[in-house]
């Protein structure tokens, strides 16, 4: 049985989040939480939050045991962009693109 958790519109570029998400694919859920606790990156905290949410969904909604769960799929995708402008020389403006991401984690007990 599959359980999922999605964390949307995180203030982190998807490229930075993907570096952490790739490390936990295919691992047991408890081991993935331990690994994310040791990674010194902001994206590791956000991915760990989503993973813990998926584990809680499995325990409370589907009555699954946390020690039997594996990370079947972990994806960091692109969300909407925030477009801002910063002042440049001679009164012109330069674009600033603030990237956001969605993190989706799917756990399975198979």
PDB file of N, CA and C in Angstrom:
ATOM      1  N   UNK A   1       0.831  -1.169   0.000  1.00  0.00           N
ATOM      2  CA  UNK A   1       0.000   0.000   0.000  1.00  0.00           C
ATOM      3  C   UNK A   1       0.886   1.247   0.000  1.00  0.00           C
ATOM      4  N   UNK A   2       0.479   2.231  -0.764  1.00  0.00           N
ATOM      5  CA  UNK A   2       1.271   3.450  -0.901  1.00  0.00           C
ATOM      6  C   UNK A   2       0.667   4.593  -0.093  1.00  0.00           C
ATOM      7  N   UNK A   3       1.552   5.383   0.476  1.00  0.00           N
ATOM      8  CA  UNK A   3       1.160   6.573   1.222  1.00  0.00           C
ATOM      9  C   UNK A   3       2.016   7.720   0.719  1.00  0.00           C
ATOM     10  N   UNK A   4       1.406   8.906   0.584  1.00  0.00           N
ATOM     11  CA  UNK A   4       2.183  10.026   0.062  1.00  0.00           C
ATOM     12  C   UNK A   4       2.007  11.271   0.912  1.00  0.00           C
ATOM     13  N   UNK A   5       2.970  12.156   0.783  1.00  0.00           N
ATOM     14  CA  UNK A   5       2.913  13.473   1.413  1.00  0.00           C
ATOM     15  C   UNK A   5       3.532  14.465   0.436  1.00  0.00           C
ATOM     16  N   UNK A   6       2.895  15.615   0.334  1.00  0.00           N
ATOM     17  CA  UNK A   6       3.370  16.651  -0.584  1.00  0.00           C
ATOM     18  C   UNK A   6       3.523  17.954   0.196  1.00  0.00           C
ATOM     19  N   UNK A   7       4.667  18.577   0.033  1.00  0.00           N
ATOM     20  CA  UNK A   7       4.936  19.875   0.646  1.00  0.00           C
ATOM     21  C   UNK A   7       5.070  20.868  -0.510  1.00  0.00           C
ATOM     22  N   UNK A   8       4.201  21.857  -0.563  1.00  0.00           N
ATOM     23  CA  UNK A   8       4.136  22.731  -1.732  1.00  0.00           C
ATOM     24  C   UNK A   8       4.704  24.119  -1.457  1.00  0.00           C
ATOM     25  N   UNK A   9       5.196  24.720  -2.531  1.00  0.00           N
ATOM     26  CA  UNK A   9       5.658  26.114  -2.555  1.00  0.00           C
ATOM     27  C   UNK A   9       6.710  26.405  -1.488  1.00  0.00           C
ATOM     28  N   UNK A  10       7.731  25.581  -1.442  1.00  0.00           N
ATOM     29  CA  UNK A  10       8.830  25.795  -0.516  1.00  0.00           C
ATOM     30  C   UNK A  10       9.812  26.799  -1.103  1.00  0.00           C
ATOM     31  N   UNK A  11      10.340  27.659  -0.275  1.00  0.00           N
ATOM     32  CA  UNK A  11      11.272  28.692  -0.725  1.00  0.00           C
ATOM     33  C   UNK A  11      12.662  28.093  -0.900  1.00  0.00           C
ATOM     34  N   UNK A  12      12.791  27.245  -1.898  1.00  0.00           N
ATOM     35  CA  UNK A  12      14.043  26.531  -2.181  1.00  0.00           C
ATOM     36  C   UNK A  12      13.991  26.150  -3.653  1.00  0.00           C
ATOM     37  N   UNK A  13      15.079  26.332  -4.353  1.00  0.00           N
ATOM     38  CA  UNK A  13      15.065  25.962  -5.766  1.00  0.00           C
ATOM     39  C   UNK A  13      15.005  24.436  -5.885  1.00  0.00           C
ATOM     40  N   UNK A  14      14.315  23.935  -6.898  1.00  0.00           N
ATOM     41  CA  UNK A  14      14.193  22.478  -7.044  1.00  0.00           C
ATOM     42  C   UNK A  14      15.541  21.798  -7.253  1.00  0.00           C
ATOM     43  N   UNK A  15      16.477  22.490  -7.859  1.00  0.00           N
ATOM     44  CA  UNK A  15      17.796  21.903  -8.098  1.00  0.00           C
ATOM     45  C   UNK A  15      18.501  21.607  -6.779  1.00  0.00           C
ATOM     46  N   UNK A  16      18.393  22.505  -5.812  1.00  0.00           N
ATOM     47  CA  UNK A  16      19.019  22.290  -4.512  1.00  0.00           C
ATOM     48  C   UNK A  16      18.298  21.199  -3.732  1.00  0.00           C
ATOM     49  N   UNK A  17      16.980  21.125  -3.879  1.00  0.00           N
ATOM     50  CA  UNK A  17      16.224  20.100  -3.163  1.00  0.00           C
ATOM     51  C   UNK A  17      16.477  18.714  -3.753  1.00  0.00           C
ATOM     52  N   UNK A  18      16.684  18.624  -5.064  1.00  0.00           N
ATOM     53  CA  UNK A  18      16.913  17.325  -5.710  1.00  0.00           C
ATOM     54  C   UNK A  18      18.187  16.647  -5.218  1.00  0.00           C
ATOM     55  N   UNK A  19      19.201  17.430  -4.876  1.00  0.00           N
ATOM     56  CA  UNK A  19      20.454  16.851  -4.392  1.00  0.00           C
ATOM     57  C   UNK A  19      20.229  16.035  -3.125  1.00  0.00           C
ATOM     58  N   UNK A  20      19.336  16.491  -2.265  1.00  0.00           N
ATOM     59  CA  UNK A  20      19.055  15.783  -1.021  1.00  0.00           C
ATOM     60  C   UNK A  20      18.062  14.657  -1.255  1.00  0.00           C
ATOM     61  N   UNK A  21      17.067  14.899  -2.104  1.00  0.00           N
ATOM     62  CA  UNK A  21      16.013  13.915  -2.346  1.00  0.00           C
ATOM     63  C   UNK A  21      16.590  12.637  -2.966  1.00  0.00           C
ATOM     64  N   UNK A  22      17.588  12.774  -3.807  1.00  0.00           N
ATOM     65  CA  UNK A  22      18.188  11.600  -4.450  1.00  0.00           C
ATOM     66  C   UNK A  22      18.862  10.676  -3.449  1.00  0.00           C
ATOM     67  N   UNK A  23      19.310  11.209  -2.314  1.00  0.00           N
ATOM     68  CA  UNK A  23      20.025  10.406  -1.335  1.00  0.00           C
ATOM     69  C   UNK A  23      19.123   9.424  -0.597  1.00  0.00           C
ATOM     70  N   UNK A  24      17.807   9.682  -0.547  1.00  0.00           N
ATOM     71  CA  UNK A  24      16.939   8.834   0.269  1.00  0.00           C
ATOM     72  C   UNK A  24      16.084   7.875  -0.543  1.00  0.00           C
ATOM     73  N   UNK A  25      16.135   7.927  -1.859  1.00  0.00           N
ATOM     74  CA  UNK A  25      15.285   7.053  -2.659  1.00  0.00           C
ATOM     75  C   UNK A  25      15.658   5.592  -2.447  1.00  0.00           C
ATOM     76  N   UNK A  26      14.631   4.772  -2.185  1.00  0.00           N
ATOM     77  CA  UNK A  26      14.826   3.344  -2.030  1.00  0.00           C
ATOM     78  C   UNK A  26      15.247   2.898  -0.641  1.00  0.00           C
ATOM     79  N   UNK A  27      15.464   3.831   0.284  1.00  0.00           N
ATOM     80  CA  UNK A  27      15.899   3.475   1.627  1.00  0.00           C
ATOM     81  C   UNK A  27      14.702   3.194   2.530  1.00  0.00           C
ATOM     82  N   UNK A  28      14.913   2.439   3.616  1.00  0.00           N
ATOM     83  CA  UNK A  28      13.861   2.337   4.633  1.00  0.00           C
ATOM     84  C   UNK A  28      13.587   3.716   5.225  1.00  0.00           C
ATOM     85  N   UNK A  29      12.352   3.955   5.627  1.00  0.00           N
ATOM     86  CA  UNK A  29      11.929   5.288   6.056  1.00  0.00           C
ATOM     87  C   UNK A  29      12.705   5.774   7.281  1.00  0.00           C
ATOM     88  N   UNK A  30      12.920   4.899   8.263  1.00  0.00           N
ATOM     89  CA  UNK A  30      13.623   5.314   9.477  1.00  0.00           C
ATOM     90  C   UNK A  30      15.088   5.639   9.186  1.00  0.00           C
ATOM     91  N   UNK A  31      15.695   4.879   8.285  1.00  0.00           N
ATOM     92  CA  UNK A  31      17.085   5.151   7.906  1.00  0.00           C
ATOM     93  C   UNK A  31      17.171   6.472   7.141  1.00  0.00           C
ATOM     94  N   UNK A  32      16.177   6.761   6.313  1.00  0.00           N
ATOM     95  CA  UNK A  32      16.156   8.015   5.560  1.00  0.00           C
ATOM     96  C   UNK A  32      16.043   9.209   6.502  1.00  0.00           C
ATOM     97  N   UNK A  33      15.240   9.092   7.563  1.00  0.00           N
ATOM     98  CA  UNK A  33      15.122  10.174   8.537  1.00  0.00           C
ATOM     99  C   UNK A  33      16.458  10.403   9.239  1.00  0.00           C
ATOM    100  N   UNK A  34      17.159   9.309   9.565  1.00  0.00           N
ATOM    101  CA  UNK A  34      18.461   9.427  10.232  1.00  0.00           C
ATOM    102  C   UNK A  34      19.486  10.096   9.327  1.00  0.00           C
ATOM    103  N   UNK A  35      19.476   9.746   8.052  1.00  0.00           N
ATOM    104  CA  UNK A  35      20.415  10.341   7.093  1.00  0.00           C
ATOM    105  C   UNK A  35      20.127  11.832   6.937  1.00  0.00           C
ATOM    106  N   UNK A  36      18.851  12.191   6.818  1.00  0.00           N
ATOM    107  CA  UNK A  36      18.492  13.603   6.643  1.00  0.00           C
ATOM    108  C   UNK A  36      18.841  14.432   7.872  1.00  0.00           C
ATOM    109  N   UNK A  37      18.861  13.810   9.029  1.00  0.00           N
ATOM    110  CA  UNK A  37      19.252  14.518  10.234  1.00  0.00           C
ATOM    111  C   UNK A  37      20.720  14.896  10.261  1.00  0.00           C
ATOM    112  N   UNK A  38      21.537  14.190   9.492  1.00  0.00           N
ATOM    113  CA  UNK A  38      22.973  14.447   9.468  1.00  0.00           C
ATOM    114  C   UNK A  38      23.415  15.365   8.326  1.00  0.00           C
ATOM    115  N   UNK A  39      22.551  15.591   7.354  1.00  0.00           N
ATOM    116  CA  UNK A  39      22.916  16.410   6.191  1.00  0.00           C
ATOM    117  C   UNK A  39      22.795  17.892   6.556  1.00  0.00           C
ATOM    118  N   UNK A  40      23.874  18.668   6.421  1.00  0.00           N
ATOM    119  CA  UNK A  40      23.854  20.073   6.848  1.00  0.00           C
ATOM    120  C   UNK A  40      23.348  21.032   5.770  1.00  0.00           C
ATOM    121  N   UNK A  41      22.119  20.843   5.316  1.00  0.00           N
ATOM    122  CA  UNK A  41      21.554  21.712   4.289  1.00  0.00           C
ATOM    123  C   UNK A  41      20.142  22.103   4.669  1.00  0.00           C
ATOM    124  N   UNK A  42      19.728  23.261   4.207  1.00  0.00           N
ATOM    125  CA  UNK A  42      18.363  23.706   4.471  1.00  0.00           C
ATOM    126  C   UNK A  42      17.354  22.763   3.828  1.00  0.00           C
ATOM    127  N   UNK A  43      17.657  22.294   2.632  1.00  0.00           N
ATOM    128  CA  UNK A  43      16.728  21.409   1.943  1.00  0.00           C
ATOM    129  C   UNK A  43      16.549  20.082   2.674  1.00  0.00           C
ATOM    130  N   UNK A  44      17.543  19.647   3.434  1.00  0.00           N
ATOM    131  CA  UNK A  44      17.420  18.405   4.191  1.00  0.00           C
ATOM    132  C   UNK A  44      16.347  18.542   5.269  1.00  0.00           C
ATOM    133  N   UNK A  45      16.255  19.703   5.908  1.00  0.00           N
ATOM    134  CA  UNK A  45      15.213  19.927   6.911  1.00  0.00           C
ATOM    135  C   UNK A  45      13.823  19.883   6.280  1.00  0.00           C
ATOM    136  N   UNK A  46      13.688  20.481   5.096  1.00  0.00           N
ATOM    137  CA  UNK A  46      12.389  20.514   4.431  1.00  0.00           C
ATOM    138  C   UNK A  46      11.972  19.128   3.937  1.00  0.00           C
ATOM    139  N   UNK A  47      12.929  18.360   3.418  1.00  0.00           N
ATOM    140  CA  UNK A  47      12.636  17.008   2.963  1.00  0.00           C
ATOM    141  C   UNK A  47      12.306  16.112   4.156  1.00  0.00           C
ATOM    142  N   UNK A  48      13.020  16.290   5.266  1.00  0.00           N
ATOM    143  CA  UNK A  48      12.750  15.501   6.473  1.00  0.00           C
ATOM    144  C   UNK A  48      11.346  15.791   7.002  1.00  0.00           C
ATOM    145  N   UNK A  49      10.933  17.045   6.932  1.00  0.00           N
ATOM    146  CA  UNK A  49       9.595  17.414   7.374  1.00  0.00           C
ATOM    147  C   UNK A  49       8.531  16.705   6.532  1.00  0.00           C
ATOM    148  N   UNK A  50       8.741  16.660   5.228  1.00  0.00           N
ATOM    149  CA  UNK A  50       7.805  15.980   4.338  1.00  0.00           C
ATOM    150  C   UNK A  50       7.816  14.475   4.583  1.00  0.00           C
ATOM    151  N   UNK A  51       8.993  13.900   4.806  1.00  0.00           N
ATOM    152  CA  UNK A  51       9.105  12.463   5.066  1.00  0.00           C
ATOM    153  C   UNK A  51       8.407  12.089   6.372  1.00  0.00           C
ATOM    154  N   UNK A  52       8.593  12.882   7.415  1.00  0.00           N
ATOM    155  CA  UNK A  52       7.922  12.606   8.687  1.00  0.00           C
ATOM    156  C   UNK A  52       6.407  12.723   8.545  1.00  0.00           C
ATOM    157  N   UNK A  53       5.954  13.626   7.702  1.00  0.00           N
ATOM    158  CA  UNK A  53       4.523  13.759   7.440  1.00  0.00           C
ATOM    159  C   UNK A  53       3.987  12.521   6.740  1.00  0.00           C
ATOM    160  N   UNK A  54       4.756  11.980   5.788  1.00  0.00           N
ATOM    161  CA  UNK A  54       4.330  10.764   5.098  1.00  0.00           C
ATOM    162  C   UNK A  54       4.283   9.570   6.055  1.00  0.00           C
ATOM    163  N   UNK A  55       5.256   9.486   6.963  1.00  0.00           N
ATOM    164  CA  UNK A  55       5.263   8.405   7.946  1.00  0.00           C
ATOM    165  C   UNK A  55       4.051   8.534   8.871  1.00  0.00           C
ATOM    166  N   UNK A  56       3.737   9.755   9.295  1.00  0.00           N
ATOM    167  CA  UNK A  56       2.567   9.970  10.149  1.00  0.00           C
ATOM    168  C   UNK A  56       1.278   9.636   9.410  1.00  0.00           C
ATOM    169  N   UNK A  57       1.203   9.953   8.125  1.00  0.00           N
ATOM    170  CA  UNK A  57       0.028   9.584   7.326  1.00  0.00           C
ATOM    171  C   UNK A  57      -0.137   8.071   7.283  1.00  0.00           C
ATOM    172  N   UNK A  58       0.971   7.357   7.123  1.00  0.00           N
ATOM    173  CA  UNK A  58       0.909   5.900   7.053  1.00  0.00           C
ATOM    174  C   UNK A  58       0.447   5.299   8.373  1.00  0.00           C
ATOM    175  N   UNK A  59       0.954   5.823   9.484  1.00  0.00           N
ATOM    176  CA  UNK A  59       0.591   5.276  10.792  1.00  0.00           C
ATOM    177  C   UNK A  59      -0.843   5.604  11.179  1.00  0.00           C
ATOM    178  N   UNK A  60      -1.262   6.837  10.956  1.00  0.00           N
ATOM    179  CA  UNK A  60      -2.573   7.266  11.432  1.00  0.00           C
ATOM    180  C   UNK A  60      -3.711   6.956  10.468  1.00  0.00           C
ATOM    181  N   UNK A  61      -3.484   7.090   9.173  1.00  0.00           N
ATOM    182  CA  UNK A  61      -4.567   6.913   8.210  1.00  0.00           C
ATOM    183  C   UNK A  61      -4.667   5.494   7.669  1.00  0.00           C
ATOM    184  N   UNK A  62      -3.537   4.806   7.520  1.00  0.00           N
ATOM    185  CA  UNK A  62      -3.537   3.474   6.908  1.00  0.00           C
ATOM    186  C   UNK A  62      -3.167   2.373   7.896  1.00  0.00           C
ATOM    187  N   UNK A  63      -2.846   2.713   9.130  1.00  0.00           N
ATOM    188  CA  UNK A  63      -2.473   1.750  10.185  1.00  0.00           C
ATOM    189  C   UNK A  63      -1.287   0.876   9.782  1.00  0.00           C
ATOM    190  N   UNK A  64      -0.274   1.492   9.195  1.00  0.00           N
ATOM    191  CA  UNK A  64       0.943   0.774   8.814  1.00  0.00           C
ATOM    192  C   UNK A  64       2.021   1.033   9.858  1.00  0.00           C
ATOM    193  N   UNK A  65       2.960   0.104   9.956  1.00  0.00           N
ATOM    194  CA  UNK A  65       4.068   0.249  10.901  1.00  0.00           C
ATOM    195  C   UNK A  65       5.206   1.011  10.229  1.00  0.00           C
ATOM    196  N   UNK A  66       5.836   1.927  10.974  1.00  0.00           N
ATOM    197  CA  UNK A  66       6.883   2.773  10.415  1.00  0.00           C
ATOM    198  C   UNK A  66       8.128   1.978  10.053  1.00  0.00           C
ATOM    199  N   UNK A  67       8.398   0.878  10.766  1.00  0.00           N
ATOM    200  CA  UNK A  67       9.616   0.119  10.497  1.00  0.00           C
ATOM    201  C   UNK A  67       9.518  -0.735   9.246  1.00  0.00           C
ATOM    202  N   UNK A  68       8.338  -0.842   8.646  1.00  0.00           N
ATOM    203  CA  UNK A  68       8.175  -1.638   7.419  1.00  0.00           C
ATOM    204  C   UNK A  68       8.095  -0.780   6.163  1.00  0.00           C
ATOM    205  N   UNK A  69       8.172   0.531   6.320  1.00  0.00           N
ATOM    206  CA  UNK A  69       8.010   1.439   5.179  1.00  0.00           C
ATOM    207  C   UNK A  69       9.329   1.714   4.478  1.00  0.00           C
ATOM    208  N   UNK A  70       9.244   1.859   3.149  1.00  0.00           N
ATOM    209  CA  UNK A  70      10.395   2.231   2.322  1.00  0.00           C
ATOM    210  C   UNK A  70      10.021   3.448   1.489  1.00  0.00           C
ATOM    211  N   UNK A  71      11.027   4.226   1.147  1.00  0.00           N
ATOM    212  CA  UNK A  71      10.808   5.386   0.281  1.00  0.00           C
ATOM    213  C   UNK A  71      10.764   4.872  -1.155  1.00  0.00           C
ATOM    214  N   UNK A  72       9.571   4.815  -1.702  1.00  0.00           N
ATOM    215  CA  UNK A  72       9.409   4.316  -3.065  1.00  0.00           C
ATOM    216  C   UNK A  72       9.762   5.396  -4.083  1.00  0.00           C
ATOM    217  N   UNK A  73       9.348   6.624  -3.785  1.00  0.00           N
ATOM    218  CA  UNK A  73       9.565   7.721  -4.735  1.00  0.00           C
ATOM    219  C   UNK A  73       9.763   9.007  -3.944  1.00  0.00           C
ATOM    220  N   UNK A  74      10.727   9.787  -4.331  1.00  0.00           N
ATOM    221  CA  UNK A  74      10.970  11.102  -3.730  1.00  0.00           C
ATOM    222  C   UNK A  74      11.335  12.052  -4.866  1.00  0.00           C
ATOM    223  N   UNK A  75      10.507  13.073  -5.044  1.00  0.00           N
ATOM    224  CA  UNK A  75      10.662  13.969  -6.190  1.00  0.00           C
ATOM    225  C   UNK A  75      10.600  15.417  -5.720  1.00  0.00           C
ATOM    226  N   UNK A  76      11.469  16.243  -6.246  1.00  0.00           N
ATOM    227  CA  UNK A  76      11.421  17.687  -6.031  1.00  0.00           C
ATOM    228  C   UNK A  76      11.139  18.336  -7.379  1.00  0.00           C
ATOM    229  N   UNK A  77       9.966  18.926  -7.506  1.00  0.00           N
ATOM    230  CA  UNK A  77       9.561  19.525  -8.769  1.00  0.00           C
ATOM    231  C   UNK A  77       9.473  21.030  -8.676  1.00  0.00           C
ATOM    232  N   UNK A  78       9.296  21.646  -9.833  1.00  0.00           N
ATOM    233  CA  UNK A  78       9.255  23.101  -9.912  1.00  0.00           C
ATOM    234  C   UNK A  78       7.865  23.622  -9.559  1.00  0.00           C
ATOM    235  N   UNK A  79       7.822  24.697  -8.803  1.00  0.00           N
ATOM    236  CA  UNK A  79       6.569  25.369  -8.474  1.00  0.00           C
ATOM    237  C   UNK A  79       6.554  26.722  -9.186  1.00  0.00           C
ATOM    238  N   UNK A  80       5.615  27.561  -8.835  1.00  0.00           N
ATOM    239  CA  UNK A  80       5.532  28.867  -9.478  1.00  0.00           C
ATOM    240  C   UNK A  80       6.731  29.728  -9.087  1.00  0.00           C
ATOM    241  N   UNK A  81       7.117  30.597  -9.977  1.00  0.00           N
ATOM    242  CA  UNK A  81       8.259  31.476  -9.762  1.00  0.00           C
ATOM    243  C   UNK A  81       7.776  32.817  -9.237  1.00  0.00           C
ATOM    244  N   UNK A  82       8.540  33.407  -8.334  1.00  0.00           N
ATOM    245  CA  UNK A  82       8.285  34.780  -7.916  1.00  0.00           C
ATOM    246  C   UNK A  82       9.209  35.683  -8.718  1.00  0.00           C
ATOM    247  N   UNK A  83       8.641  36.633  -9.416  1.00  0.00           N
ATOM    248  CA  UNK A  83       9.440  37.527 -10.239  1.00  0.00           C
ATOM    249  C   UNK A  83       9.504  38.897  -9.576  1.00  0.00           C
ATOM    250  N   UNK A  84      10.713  39.327  -9.316  1.00  0.00           N
ATOM    251  CA  UNK A  84      10.954  40.615  -8.692  1.00  0.00           C
ATOM    252  C   UNK A  84      11.958  41.388  -9.537  1.00  0.00           C
ATOM    253  N   UNK A  85      12.133  42.655  -9.223  1.00  0.00           N
ATOM    254  CA  UNK A  85      13.094  43.475  -9.940  1.00  0.00           C
ATOM    255  C   UNK A  85      13.990  44.195  -8.953  1.00  0.00           C
ATOM    256  N   UNK A  86      15.240  44.365  -9.333  1.00  0.00           N
ATOM    257  CA  UNK A  86      16.201  45.087  -8.512  1.00  0.00           C
ATOM    258  C   UNK A  86      16.737  46.269  -9.315  1.00  0.00           C
ATOM    259  N   UNK A  87      17.002  47.388  -8.664  1.00  0.00           N
ATOM    260  CA  UNK A  87      17.489  48.562  -9.398  1.00  0.00           C
ATOM    261  C   UNK A  87      18.883  48.328  -9.971  1.00  0.00           C
ATOM    262  N   UNK A  88      19.094  48.828 -11.159  1.00  0.00           N
ATOM    263  CA  UNK A  88      20.393  48.752 -11.830  1.00  0.00           C
ATOM    264  C   UNK A  88      20.845  50.165 -12.197  1.00  0.00           C
ATOM    265  N   UNK A  89      21.944  50.227 -12.893  1.00  0.00           N
ATOM    266  CA  UNK A  89      22.519  51.520 -13.258  1.00  0.00           C
ATOM    267  C   UNK A  89      21.613  52.284 -14.221  1.00  0.00           C
ATOM    268  N   UNK A  90      21.666  53.603 -14.131  1.00  0.00           N
ATOM    269  CA  UNK A  90      20.960  54.520 -15.025  1.00  0.00           C
ATOM    270  C   UNK A  90      19.444  54.339 -14.985  1.00  0.00           C
ATOM    271  N   UNK A  91      18.925  53.958 -13.847  1.00  0.00           N
ATOM    272  CA  UNK A  91      17.480  53.888 -13.690  1.00  0.00           C
ATOM    273  C   UNK A  91      16.818  52.671 -14.293  1.00  0.00           C
ATOM    274  N   UNK A  92      17.596  51.719 -14.755  1.00  0.00           N
ATOM    275  CA  UNK A  92      16.978  50.515 -15.320  1.00  0.00           C
ATOM    276  C   UNK A  92      16.732  49.497 -14.206  1.00  0.00           C
ATOM    277  N   UNK A  93      16.073  48.402 -14.555  1.00  0.00           N
ATOM    278  CA  UNK A  93      15.758  47.369 -13.574  1.00  0.00           C
ATOM    279  C   UNK A  93      16.234  46.022 -14.085  1.00  0.00           C
ATOM    280  N   UNK A  94      16.738  45.214 -13.173  1.00  0.00           N
ATOM    281  CA  UNK A  94      17.172  43.869 -13.531  1.00  0.00           C
ATOM    282  C   UNK A  94      16.272  42.837 -12.869  1.00  0.00           C
ATOM    283  N   UNK A  95      15.941  41.754 -13.577  1.00  0.00           N
ATOM    284  CA  UNK A  95      15.026  40.760 -13.019  1.00  0.00           C
ATOM    285  C   UNK A  95      15.689  39.908 -11.938  1.00  0.00           C
ATOM    286  N   UNK A  96      14.903  39.520 -10.939  1.00  0.00           N
ATOM    287  CA  UNK A  96      15.308  38.568  -9.914  1.00  0.00           C
ATOM    288  C   UNK A  96      14.239  37.488  -9.895  1.00  0.00           C
ATOM    289  N   UNK A  97      14.636  36.259 -10.155  1.00  0.00           N
ATOM    290  CA  UNK A  97      13.687  35.154 -10.175  1.00  0.00           C
ATOM    291  C   UNK A  97      13.900  34.317  -8.923  1.00  0.00           C
ATOM    292  N   UNK A  98      12.884  34.265  -8.070  1.00  0.00           N
ATOM    293  CA  UNK A  98      12.955  33.476  -6.845  1.00  0.00           C
ATOM    294  C   UNK A  98      12.232  32.165  -7.100  1.00  0.00           C
ATOM    295  N   UNK A  99      13.001  31.090  -7.127  1.00  0.00           N
ATOM    296  CA  UNK A  99      12.447  29.788  -7.474  1.00  0.00           C
ATOM    297  C   UNK A  99      11.845  29.113  -6.255  1.00  0.00           C
ATOM    298  N   UNK A 100      10.785  28.351  -6.488  1.00  0.00           N
ATOM    299  CA  UNK A 100      10.107  27.599  -5.438  1.00  0.00           C
ATOM    300  C   UNK A 100       9.967  26.153  -5.888  1.00  0.00           C
ATOM    301  N   UNK A 101       9.703  25.263  -4.952  1.00  0.00           N
ATOM    302  CA  UNK A 101       9.622  23.850  -5.312  1.00  0.00           C
ATOM    303  C   UNK A 101       8.515  23.145  -4.544  1.00  0.00           C
ATOM    304  N   UNK A 102       8.068  22.025  -5.118  1.00  0.00           N
ATOM    305  CA  UNK A 102       7.160  21.084  -4.463  1.00  0.00           C
ATOM    306  C   UNK A 102       7.973  19.829  -4.170  1.00  0.00           C
ATOM    307  N   UNK A 103       7.816  19.264  -2.982  1.00  0.00           N
ATOM    308  CA  UNK A 103       8.474  18.000  -2.646  1.00  0.00           C
ATOM    309  C   UNK A 103       7.398  16.953  -2.430  1.00  0.00           C
ATOM    310  N   UNK A 104       7.494  15.840  -3.171  1.00  0.00           N
ATOM    311  CA  UNK A 104       6.534  14.746  -3.051  1.00  0.00           C
ATOM    312  C   UNK A 104       7.270  13.482  -2.657  1.00  0.00           C
ATOM    313  N   UNK A 105       6.824  12.837  -1.594  1.00  0.00           N
ATOM    314  CA  UNK A 105       7.428  11.590  -1.119  1.00  0.00           C
ATOM    315  C   UNK A 105       6.343  10.531  -1.063  1.00  0.00           C
ATOM    316  N   UNK A 106       6.629   9.369  -1.656  1.00  0.00           N
ATOM    317  CA  UNK A 106       5.709   8.240  -1.649  1.00  0.00           C
ATOM    318  C   UNK A 106       6.380   7.095  -0.893  1.00  0.00           C
ATOM    319  N   UNK A 107       5.695   6.590   0.129  1.00  0.00           N
ATOM    320  CA  UNK A 107       6.190   5.464   0.904  1.00  0.00           C
ATOM    321  C   UNK A 107       5.383   4.226   0.561  1.00  0.00           C
ATOM    322  N   UNK A 108       6.032   3.072   0.637  1.00  0.00           N
ATOM    323  CA  UNK A 108       5.354   1.817   0.353  1.00  0.00           C
ATOM    324  C   UNK A 108       5.786   0.781   1.390  1.00  0.00           C
ATOM    325  N   UNK A 109       4.876  -0.142   1.693  1.00  0.00           N
ATOM    326  CA  UNK A 109       5.221  -1.208   2.644  1.00  0.00           C
ATOM    327  C   UNK A 109       5.561  -2.509   1.938  1.00  0.00           C
ATOM    328  N   UNK A 110       5.722  -2.469   0.627  1.00  0.00           N
ATOM    329  CA  UNK A 110       6.033  -3.680  -0.146  1.00  0.00           C
ATOM    330  C   UNK A 110       7.517  -3.858  -0.306  1.00  0.00           C
TER     331      UNK A 110
END
